[in-house]
Structure formats: C-alpha cells, structure tokens
Amino acid sequence: MEKVKQKRHLSLIIFLVVLIGLLVVLGMNVKQFSQKQLNPVVETSKKAAQQSSATRSDVEAIVGAYRDDEDGAAIVLNEDGTGRYVYADKHNPDTDDQLTWKKDGDQYQIDLRDKDVVNPLTAKLTGKQLVISGNGGWNTESFQQVAGQLDLTTFLRQQHGEK
C-alpha cells in the first residue's frame, strides 16, 4: 500500500513538473505571438527601415518648398508624404490644393485634391529644380527649390502685388 502511494506521489510530481514546463514554453510563445499581433508596426517598421534606407535620401531630397514665380505657383512637400500647391490666378480664384506624394522609381507621383486634376502628376527632381507634368488640364511647370520655409499664403499675396 505504501509503495502504491509513493508511486502515485512520484507520478503526480512528474506530471506537475512536465505541466509546469509546458506552461512555461507555451507562455513564452504566447508572449512573442501577442507582441507580433498586438504591435505589428514594430516588425513592419523594422522591415520598412531596412528596405527604405536606400531611398530615404531620395525622399529627403524632394522634401521642401518650391516656387515658380513666372507662373505664380508654389508647392510645399512635407516629409510625411503630404503637401500643398498654390497658384495665383489673375482672372479666377486662386488655386489652393492639398496633396499627397510618394516616390515612384526615379520619379515622384503627386495626387492633387483638385476636381480639375483627376490624374496623378509626375514630378522629377534634378538638383534644385522640380518639374511637374501631367495630362488632362495640367501644364508642365518648373519650380525652383527655396532655402528654408515658404509661407504659401504670403506667396499668393505677393503674386497679386499685395503686402
């Protein structure tokens, strides 16, 4: 009888040790799994940082303000892929559009939030000159990069001869 009790106790101890071991392993796997599921941005941002490190300088190169005094237009491109385009129209209300942009091969694609420009525009940066072209109501424009910031509201006023 005593031997049967000892075998049961030994079997129970072995069962508990194995069970605790399995729970520890399962707990570690659940922790790793939940970190990936609850915070996929960490994994994605690591991969994106590795993949985009080569193109980061290309993106940083286009970020900034550009003006075309001949046509009365200016554009600001932000780091986050957004921006703003303005055009001082002598005969109609000024254009003041928000935009998004992204790198597309050796060019950039610009999407204006403008009912008259339905197709994406193509931009090419050469040195400090940004050339934007498109079709369907868009004339090719050449912009020169300006040092520092450009206040687009002030730019529009200056184009109309206001102070």
N, C-alpha and C. Protein backbone atom coordinates (compact mmCIF):
# COMPACT_ATOMS: atom_id res chain seq x y z
N MET A 1 0.81 -1.18 0.00
CA MET A 1 0.00 0.00 0.00
C MET A 1 0.87 1.26 0.00
N GLU A 2 1.92 1.19 0.81
CA GLU A 2 2.82 2.32 0.91
C GLU A 2 3.52 2.55 -0.43
N LYS A 3 3.88 1.49 -1.13
CA LYS A 3 4.55 1.62 -2.42
C LYS A 3 3.60 2.22 -3.47
N VAL A 4 2.35 1.89 -3.41
CA VAL A 4 1.36 2.42 -4.34
C VAL A 4 1.21 3.93 -4.11
N LYS A 5 1.19 4.34 -2.83
CA LYS A 5 1.09 5.77 -2.52
C LYS A 5 2.32 6.51 -3.02
N GLN A 6 3.49 5.91 -2.85
CA GLN A 6 4.74 6.55 -3.31
C GLN A 6 4.74 6.68 -4.83
N LYS A 7 4.28 5.65 -5.52
CA LYS A 7 4.23 5.71 -6.99
C LYS A 7 3.26 6.81 -7.45
N ARG A 8 2.12 6.92 -6.75
CA ARG A 8 1.16 7.96 -7.10
C ARG A 8 1.75 9.34 -6.86
N HIS A 9 2.43 9.52 -5.71
CA HIS A 9 3.06 10.80 -5.41
C HIS A 9 4.13 11.12 -6.45
N LEU A 10 4.95 10.13 -6.80
CA LEU A 10 6.00 10.33 -7.79
C LEU A 10 5.39 10.66 -9.16
N SER A 11 4.33 9.94 -9.53
CA SER A 11 3.65 10.20 -10.80
C SER A 11 3.04 11.61 -10.80
N LEU A 12 2.46 12.02 -9.68
CA LEU A 12 1.87 13.35 -9.58
C LEU A 12 2.95 14.43 -9.68
N ILE A 13 4.09 14.22 -9.04
CA ILE A 13 5.19 15.19 -9.11
C ILE A 13 5.73 15.29 -10.53
N ILE A 14 5.93 14.16 -11.17
CA ILE A 14 6.42 14.17 -12.56
C ILE A 14 5.41 14.87 -13.46
N PHE A 15 4.13 14.57 -13.28
CA PHE A 15 3.08 15.22 -14.07
C PHE A 15 3.10 16.73 -13.88
N LEU A 16 3.22 17.17 -12.63
CA LEU A 16 3.24 18.60 -12.34
C LEU A 16 4.47 19.28 -12.93
N VAL A 17 5.63 18.65 -12.87
CA VAL A 17 6.86 19.22 -13.45
C VAL A 17 6.71 19.36 -14.97
N VAL A 18 6.21 18.31 -15.60
CA VAL A 18 6.01 18.37 -17.05
C VAL A 18 4.97 19.44 -17.40
N LEU A 19 3.90 19.51 -16.63
CA LEU A 19 2.86 20.51 -16.87
C LEU A 19 3.42 21.92 -16.71
N ILE A 20 4.18 22.17 -15.68
CA ILE A 20 4.78 23.49 -15.48
C ILE A 20 5.74 23.82 -16.62
N GLY A 21 6.53 22.84 -17.03
CA GLY A 21 7.45 23.05 -18.17
C GLY A 21 6.70 23.43 -19.44
N LEU A 22 5.62 22.72 -19.72
CA LEU A 22 4.81 23.03 -20.91
C LEU A 22 4.18 24.42 -20.81
N LEU A 23 3.70 24.78 -19.62
CA LEU A 23 3.11 26.10 -19.44
C LEU A 23 4.14 27.21 -19.63
N VAL A 24 5.37 27.00 -19.17
CA VAL A 24 6.43 28.00 -19.37
C VAL A 24 6.72 28.18 -20.85
N VAL A 25 6.88 27.06 -21.57
CA VAL A 25 7.16 27.14 -23.01
C VAL A 25 5.99 27.80 -23.74
N LEU A 26 4.78 27.40 -23.41
CA LEU A 26 3.59 27.99 -24.03
C LEU A 26 3.50 29.47 -23.72
N GLY A 27 3.76 29.84 -22.47
CA GLY A 27 3.72 31.25 -22.08
C GLY A 27 4.71 32.09 -22.86
N MET A 28 5.91 31.58 -23.10
CA MET A 28 6.91 32.33 -23.87
C MET A 28 6.45 32.49 -25.31
N ASN A 29 5.91 31.44 -25.89
CA ASN A 29 5.43 31.53 -27.28
C ASN A 29 4.24 32.47 -27.40
N VAL A 30 3.33 32.44 -26.42
CA VAL A 30 2.17 33.33 -26.45
C VAL A 30 2.62 34.77 -26.34
N LYS A 31 3.62 35.02 -25.51
CA LYS A 31 4.13 36.40 -25.36
C LYS A 31 4.70 36.90 -26.68
N GLN A 32 5.51 36.09 -27.34
CA GLN A 32 6.08 36.50 -28.63
C GLN A 32 4.98 36.68 -29.67
N PHE A 33 4.03 35.75 -29.71
CA PHE A 33 2.94 35.83 -30.66
C PHE A 33 2.10 37.08 -30.43
N SER A 34 1.77 37.35 -29.16
CA SER A 34 0.92 38.50 -28.87
C SER A 34 1.63 39.82 -29.18
N GLN A 35 2.95 39.87 -28.97
CA GLN A 35 3.68 41.08 -29.31
C GLN A 35 3.61 41.35 -30.81
N LYS A 36 3.72 40.31 -31.60
CA LYS A 36 3.65 40.48 -33.05
C LYS A 36 2.24 40.85 -33.48
N GLN A 37 1.23 40.25 -32.86
CA GLN A 37 -0.16 40.51 -33.24
C GLN A 37 -0.65 41.86 -32.75
N LEU A 38 -0.29 42.22 -31.52
CA LEU A 38 -0.77 43.47 -30.96
C LEU A 38 0.03 44.67 -31.42
N ASN A 39 1.25 44.47 -31.84
CA ASN A 39 2.09 45.58 -32.25
C ASN A 39 2.81 45.24 -33.55
N PRO A 40 2.08 45.00 -34.63
CA PRO A 40 2.73 44.64 -35.89
C PRO A 40 3.55 45.77 -36.47
N VAL A 41 3.32 47.01 -36.02
CA VAL A 41 4.04 48.16 -36.54
C VAL A 41 5.53 48.04 -36.24
N VAL A 42 5.86 47.48 -35.09
CA VAL A 42 7.27 47.33 -34.72
C VAL A 42 7.98 46.48 -35.76
N GLU A 43 7.41 45.32 -36.08
CA GLU A 43 8.01 44.45 -37.09
C GLU A 43 8.02 45.13 -38.45
N THR A 44 6.90 45.74 -38.82
CA THR A 44 6.78 46.40 -40.11
C THR A 44 7.75 47.56 -40.21
N SER A 45 7.87 48.34 -39.15
CA SER A 45 8.75 49.50 -39.22
C SER A 45 10.21 49.08 -39.30
N LYS A 46 10.57 47.97 -38.66
CA LYS A 46 11.95 47.47 -38.78
C LYS A 46 12.24 47.09 -40.23
N LYS A 47 11.30 46.34 -40.83
CA LYS A 47 11.47 45.93 -42.23
C LYS A 47 11.48 47.14 -43.14
N ALA A 48 10.57 48.07 -42.90
CA ALA A 48 10.49 49.27 -43.73
C ALA A 48 11.76 50.09 -43.60
N ALA A 49 12.30 50.18 -42.41
CA ALA A 49 13.53 50.95 -42.21
C ALA A 49 14.68 50.32 -42.98
N GLN A 50 14.73 49.00 -42.98
CA GLN A 50 15.79 48.32 -43.73
C GLN A 50 15.60 48.51 -45.23
N GLN A 51 14.36 48.36 -45.69
CA GLN A 51 14.10 48.47 -47.12
C GLN A 51 14.22 49.89 -47.63
N SER A 52 13.84 50.87 -46.81
CA SER A 52 13.81 52.23 -47.30
C SER A 52 15.07 53.02 -47.01
N SER A 53 16.05 52.43 -46.35
CA SER A 53 17.25 53.19 -46.03
C SER A 53 17.95 53.67 -47.30
N ALA A 54 17.87 52.89 -48.36
CA ALA A 54 18.50 53.29 -49.62
C ALA A 54 17.74 54.44 -50.27
N THR A 55 16.42 54.49 -50.10
CA THR A 55 15.64 55.53 -50.77
C THR A 55 15.36 56.72 -49.86
N ARG A 56 15.74 56.63 -48.60
CA ARG A 56 15.45 57.74 -47.67
C ARG A 56 16.07 59.04 -48.17
N SER A 57 17.29 59.00 -48.69
CA SER A 57 17.92 60.23 -49.16
C SER A 57 17.18 60.79 -50.37
N ASP A 58 16.59 59.91 -51.20
CA ASP A 58 15.80 60.37 -52.33
C ASP A 58 14.55 61.11 -51.85
N VAL A 59 13.92 60.58 -50.83
CA VAL A 59 12.71 61.21 -50.30
C VAL A 59 13.07 62.52 -49.61
N GLU A 60 14.14 62.50 -48.81
CA GLU A 60 14.55 63.72 -48.12
C GLU A 60 14.94 64.80 -49.12
N ALA A 61 15.45 64.41 -50.29
CA ALA A 61 15.88 65.38 -51.29
C ALA A 61 14.70 66.21 -51.79
N ILE A 62 13.54 65.61 -51.95
CA ILE A 62 12.40 66.33 -52.52
C ILE A 62 11.63 67.13 -51.46
N VAL A 63 11.79 66.79 -50.21
CA VAL A 63 11.07 67.50 -49.14
C VAL A 63 11.53 68.95 -49.12
N GLY A 64 10.57 69.87 -49.13
CA GLY A 64 10.92 71.28 -49.09
C GLY A 64 9.90 72.14 -49.83
N ALA A 65 10.28 73.37 -50.07
CA ALA A 65 9.40 74.34 -50.72
C ALA A 65 9.98 74.73 -52.08
N TYR A 66 9.10 74.91 -53.04
CA TYR A 66 9.48 75.25 -54.41
C TYR A 66 8.56 76.35 -54.91
N ARG A 67 9.10 77.21 -55.75
CA ARG A 67 8.27 78.28 -56.31
C ARG A 67 8.56 78.45 -57.80
N ASP A 68 7.53 78.87 -58.51
CA ASP A 68 7.60 79.18 -59.93
C ASP A 68 7.03 80.58 -60.08
N ASP A 69 7.90 81.58 -59.95
CA ASP A 69 7.45 82.97 -59.99
C ASP A 69 6.90 83.37 -61.36
N GLU A 70 7.38 82.74 -62.41
CA GLU A 70 6.91 83.06 -63.76
C GLU A 70 5.42 82.72 -63.92
N ASP A 71 5.02 81.56 -63.38
CA ASP A 71 3.62 81.14 -63.47
C ASP A 71 2.81 81.52 -62.24
N GLY A 72 3.46 81.97 -61.18
CA GLY A 72 2.74 82.33 -59.96
C GLY A 72 2.28 81.13 -59.16
N ALA A 73 3.10 80.08 -59.14
CA ALA A 73 2.74 78.85 -58.43
C ALA A 73 3.82 78.49 -57.43
N ALA A 74 3.42 77.77 -56.41
CA ALA A 74 4.38 77.28 -55.42
C ALA A 74 3.87 75.97 -54.85
N ILE A 75 4.79 75.17 -54.33
CA ILE A 75 4.42 73.87 -53.77
C ILE A 75 5.32 73.58 -52.58
N VAL A 76 4.73 72.99 -51.57
CA VAL A 76 5.48 72.55 -50.39
C VAL A 76 5.24 71.05 -50.24
N LEU A 77 6.33 70.29 -50.12
CA LEU A 77 6.24 68.84 -49.95
C LEU A 77 6.80 68.49 -48.57
N ASN A 78 5.97 67.86 -47.75
CA ASN A 78 6.33 67.50 -46.39
C ASN A 78 6.91 66.08 -46.32
N GLU A 79 7.65 65.81 -45.26
CA GLU A 79 8.26 64.50 -45.05
C GLU A 79 7.24 63.38 -44.98
N ASP A 80 6.05 63.66 -44.48
CA ASP A 80 5.05 62.61 -44.26
C ASP A 80 4.26 62.26 -45.52
N GLY A 81 4.68 62.77 -46.69
CA GLY A 81 4.01 62.44 -47.94
C GLY A 81 2.81 63.32 -48.24
N THR A 82 2.68 64.42 -47.52
CA THR A 82 1.60 65.37 -47.78
C THR A 82 2.21 66.66 -48.30
N GLY A 83 1.36 67.60 -48.65
CA GLY A 83 1.86 68.89 -49.12
C GLY A 83 0.74 69.80 -49.53
N ARG A 84 1.13 70.90 -50.15
CA ARG A 84 0.16 71.92 -50.56
C ARG A 84 0.68 72.59 -51.83
N TYR A 85 -0.24 72.83 -52.76
CA TYR A 85 0.07 73.50 -54.02
C TYR A 85 -0.80 74.73 -54.12
N VAL A 86 -0.20 75.88 -54.48
CA VAL A 86 -0.97 77.11 -54.68
C VAL A 86 -0.62 77.70 -56.05
N TYR A 87 -1.61 78.39 -56.61
CA TYR A 87 -1.43 79.06 -57.90
C TYR A 87 -2.20 80.37 -57.85
N ALA A 88 -1.50 81.47 -58.10
CA ALA A 88 -2.13 82.79 -58.10
C ALA A 88 -2.69 83.06 -59.49
N ASP A 89 -4.00 82.95 -59.60
CA ASP A 89 -4.68 83.14 -60.88
C ASP A 89 -5.09 84.60 -61.02
N LYS A 90 -4.74 85.21 -62.14
CA LYS A 90 -5.04 86.63 -62.37
C LYS A 90 -6.52 86.87 -62.68
N HIS A 91 -7.21 85.84 -63.21
CA HIS A 91 -8.57 86.02 -63.69
C HIS A 91 -9.62 85.22 -62.92
N ASN A 92 -9.21 84.21 -62.18
CA ASN A 92 -10.12 83.34 -61.44
C ASN A 92 -9.65 83.25 -59.99
N PRO A 93 -10.45 82.64 -59.14
CA PRO A 93 -9.99 82.44 -57.76
C PRO A 93 -8.69 81.62 -57.74
N ASP A 94 -7.85 81.92 -56.78
CA ASP A 94 -6.58 81.20 -56.66
C ASP A 94 -6.82 79.72 -56.39
N THR A 95 -5.87 78.93 -56.82
CA THR A 95 -5.89 77.50 -56.51
C THR A 95 -5.10 77.30 -55.23
N ASP A 96 -5.66 76.53 -54.33
CA ASP A 96 -5.01 76.20 -53.06
C ASP A 96 -5.40 74.77 -52.73
N ASP A 97 -4.55 73.81 -53.12
CA ASP A 97 -4.89 72.39 -53.01
C ASP A 97 -3.97 71.65 -52.06
N GLN A 98 -4.56 70.75 -51.30
CA GLN A 98 -3.77 69.79 -50.52
C GLN A 98 -3.34 68.68 -51.48
N LEU A 99 -2.30 67.96 -51.12
CA LEU A 99 -1.81 66.90 -51.99
C LEU A 99 -1.15 65.81 -51.17
N THR A 100 -0.97 64.67 -51.82
CA THR A 100 -0.14 63.61 -51.29
C THR A 100 0.89 63.27 -52.35
N TRP A 101 2.04 62.77 -51.92
CA TRP A 101 3.09 62.42 -52.87
C TRP A 101 3.80 61.17 -52.38
N LYS A 102 4.44 60.47 -53.34
CA LYS A 102 5.24 59.30 -52.99
C LYS A 102 6.30 59.08 -54.06
N LYS A 103 7.34 58.40 -53.67
CA LYS A 103 8.43 58.06 -54.59
C LYS A 103 7.93 56.94 -55.50
N ASP A 104 8.23 57.03 -56.77
CA ASP A 104 7.82 56.03 -57.75
C ASP A 104 8.96 55.82 -58.73
N GLY A 105 9.86 54.90 -58.41
CA GLY A 105 11.04 54.68 -59.24
C GLY A 105 11.99 55.86 -59.13
N ASP A 106 12.36 56.44 -60.27
CA ASP A 106 13.25 57.60 -60.24
C ASP A 106 12.47 58.91 -60.30
N GLN A 107 11.13 58.81 -60.15
CA GLN A 107 10.27 59.99 -60.17
C GLN A 107 9.41 59.99 -58.91
N TYR A 108 8.54 60.97 -58.83
CA TYR A 108 7.59 61.07 -57.73
C TYR A 108 6.20 61.19 -58.31
N GLN A 109 5.23 60.64 -57.60
CA GLN A 109 3.84 60.75 -58.03
C GLN A 109 3.15 61.70 -57.06
N ILE A 110 2.46 62.68 -57.61
CA ILE A 110 1.75 63.67 -56.81
C ILE A 110 0.26 63.57 -57.14
N ASP A 111 -0.55 63.43 -56.09
CA ASP A 111 -2.00 63.40 -56.25
C ASP A 111 -2.56 64.67 -55.62
N LEU A 112 -3.06 65.56 -56.48
CA LEU A 112 -3.69 66.80 -56.01
C LEU A 112 -5.14 66.52 -55.64
N ARG A 113 -5.60 67.14 -54.59
CA ARG A 113 -7.01 67.07 -54.23
C ARG A 113 -7.70 68.25 -54.91
N ASP A 114 -7.88 68.08 -56.21
CA ASP A 114 -8.44 69.14 -57.05
C ASP A 114 -9.38 68.48 -58.05
N LYS A 115 -10.61 68.99 -58.12
CA LYS A 115 -11.60 68.39 -59.02
C LYS A 115 -11.20 68.50 -60.49
N ASP A 116 -10.33 69.46 -60.83
CA ASP A 116 -9.93 69.65 -62.22
C ASP A 116 -8.73 68.80 -62.62
N VAL A 117 -8.01 68.26 -61.66
CA VAL A 117 -6.84 67.44 -61.95
C VAL A 117 -7.13 66.04 -61.42
N VAL A 118 -7.63 65.18 -62.30
CA VAL A 118 -8.08 63.86 -61.86
C VAL A 118 -6.99 62.79 -61.93
N ASN A 119 -5.98 63.00 -62.74
CA ASN A 119 -4.90 62.02 -62.86
C ASN A 119 -3.71 62.42 -62.01
N PRO A 120 -2.95 61.44 -61.52
CA PRO A 120 -1.74 61.77 -60.77
C PRO A 120 -0.75 62.54 -61.64
N LEU A 121 0.01 63.41 -61.01
CA LEU A 121 1.05 64.16 -61.70
C LEU A 121 2.38 63.45 -61.49
N THR A 122 3.31 63.69 -62.40
CA THR A 122 4.64 63.12 -62.30
C THR A 122 5.63 64.23 -62.03
N ALA A 123 6.46 64.03 -61.03
CA ALA A 123 7.46 65.04 -60.68
C ALA A 123 8.84 64.43 -60.80
N LYS A 124 9.76 65.23 -61.29
CA LYS A 124 11.15 64.81 -61.42
C LYS A 124 12.01 65.90 -60.81
N LEU A 125 12.89 65.50 -59.91
CA LEU A 125 13.78 66.44 -59.24
C LEU A 125 15.17 66.32 -59.82
N THR A 126 15.68 67.44 -60.33
CA THR A 126 17.04 67.50 -60.84
C THR A 126 17.74 68.65 -60.15
N GLY A 127 18.62 68.32 -59.23
CA GLY A 127 19.28 69.36 -58.45
C GLY A 127 18.26 70.08 -57.60
N LYS A 128 18.11 71.37 -57.83
CA LYS A 128 17.14 72.20 -57.09
C LYS A 128 15.90 72.50 -57.92
N GLN A 129 15.79 71.88 -59.10
CA GLN A 129 14.64 72.13 -59.97
C GLN A 129 13.69 70.94 -59.94
N LEU A 130 12.42 71.24 -59.70
CA LEU A 130 11.36 70.24 -59.67
C LEU A 130 10.46 70.50 -60.87
N VAL A 131 10.34 69.52 -61.75
CA VAL A 131 9.48 69.65 -62.93
C VAL A 131 8.29 68.72 -62.72
N ILE A 132 7.09 69.32 -62.76
CA ILE A 132 5.86 68.56 -62.57
C ILE A 132 5.09 68.56 -63.87
N SER A 133 4.73 67.38 -64.33
CA SER A 133 3.98 67.26 -65.58
C SER A 133 2.79 66.34 -65.35
N GLY A 134 1.84 66.47 -66.24
CA GLY A 134 0.63 65.65 -66.15
C GLY A 134 -0.17 65.81 -67.42
N ASN A 135 -1.34 65.23 -67.40
CA ASN A 135 -2.22 65.38 -68.55
C ASN A 135 -3.62 65.68 -68.05
N GLY A 136 -4.46 66.11 -68.93
CA GLY A 136 -5.83 66.42 -68.55
C GLY A 136 -5.95 67.68 -67.71
N GLY A 137 -5.58 68.81 -68.24
CA GLY A 137 -5.76 70.07 -67.53
C GLY A 137 -4.55 70.51 -66.72
N TRP A 138 -3.41 69.95 -66.97
CA TRP A 138 -2.21 70.35 -66.23
C TRP A 138 -1.11 70.71 -67.21
N ASN A 139 -0.58 71.92 -67.08
CA ASN A 139 0.56 72.34 -67.90
C ASN A 139 1.83 72.01 -67.13
N THR A 140 2.86 71.58 -67.83
CA THR A 140 4.13 71.27 -67.18
C THR A 140 4.67 72.53 -66.53
N GLU A 141 5.09 72.41 -65.27
CA GLU A 141 5.62 73.54 -64.52
C GLU A 141 6.99 73.20 -63.98
N SER A 142 7.87 74.20 -63.98
CA SER A 142 9.21 74.05 -63.41
C SER A 142 9.30 74.94 -62.17
N PHE A 143 9.69 74.34 -61.07
CA PHE A 143 9.80 75.05 -59.80
C PHE A 143 11.26 75.05 -59.35
N GLN A 144 11.65 76.10 -58.68
CA GLN A 144 12.98 76.19 -58.08
C GLN A 144 12.84 76.02 -56.57
N GLN A 145 13.69 75.19 -55.99
CA GLN A 145 13.66 74.98 -54.55
C GLN A 145 14.13 76.24 -53.84
N VAL A 146 13.45 76.57 -52.75
CA VAL A 146 13.84 77.73 -51.96
C VAL A 146 14.47 77.26 -50.67
N ALA A 147 15.38 78.06 -50.15
CA ALA A 147 16.01 77.73 -48.87
C ALA A 147 15.03 78.03 -47.75
N GLY A 148 14.90 77.14 -46.82
CA GLY A 148 14.03 77.36 -45.67
C GLY A 148 12.57 77.14 -46.00
N GLN A 149 11.73 77.75 -45.19
CA GLN A 149 10.28 77.60 -45.32
C GLN A 149 9.72 78.61 -46.31
N LEU A 150 8.53 78.31 -46.82
CA LEU A 150 7.83 79.23 -47.72
C LEU A 150 6.39 79.31 -47.24
N ASP A 151 5.96 80.50 -46.84
CA ASP A 151 4.58 80.72 -46.42
C ASP A 151 3.76 80.90 -47.69
N LEU A 152 2.93 79.92 -48.00
CA LEU A 152 2.19 79.94 -49.26
C LEU A 152 1.11 81.02 -49.30
N THR A 153 0.55 81.36 -48.17
CA THR A 153 -0.43 82.44 -48.14
C THR A 153 0.23 83.77 -48.49
N THR A 154 1.39 84.01 -47.90
CA THR A 154 2.15 85.23 -48.22
C THR A 154 2.59 85.21 -49.68
N PHE A 155 2.99 84.05 -50.17
CA PHE A 155 3.39 83.91 -51.57
C PHE A 155 2.25 84.34 -52.50
N LEU A 156 1.04 83.88 -52.22
CA LEU A 156 -0.11 84.26 -53.06
C LEU A 156 -0.34 85.76 -53.03
N ARG A 157 -0.26 86.35 -51.86
CA ARG A 157 -0.45 87.81 -51.76
C ARG A 157 0.61 88.55 -52.57
N GLN A 158 1.85 88.11 -52.47
CA GLN A 158 2.93 88.75 -53.23
C GLN A 158 2.71 88.63 -54.73
N GLN A 159 2.19 87.51 -55.17
CA GLN A 159 1.92 87.32 -56.60
C GLN A 159 0.86 88.28 -57.12
N HIS A 160 -0.03 88.70 -56.22
CA HIS A 160 -1.07 89.66 -56.59
C HIS A 160 -0.64 91.09 -56.31
N GLY A 161 0.60 91.28 -55.90
CA GLY A 161 1.12 92.62 -55.63
C GLY A 161 0.68 93.18 -54.30
N GLU A 162 0.18 92.34 -53.39
CA GLU A 162 -0.23 92.79 -52.06
C GLU A 162 0.93 92.63 -51.10
N LYS A 163 0.83 93.32 -49.98
CA LYS A 163 1.86 93.19 -48.96
C LYS A 163 1.36 92.44 -47.77
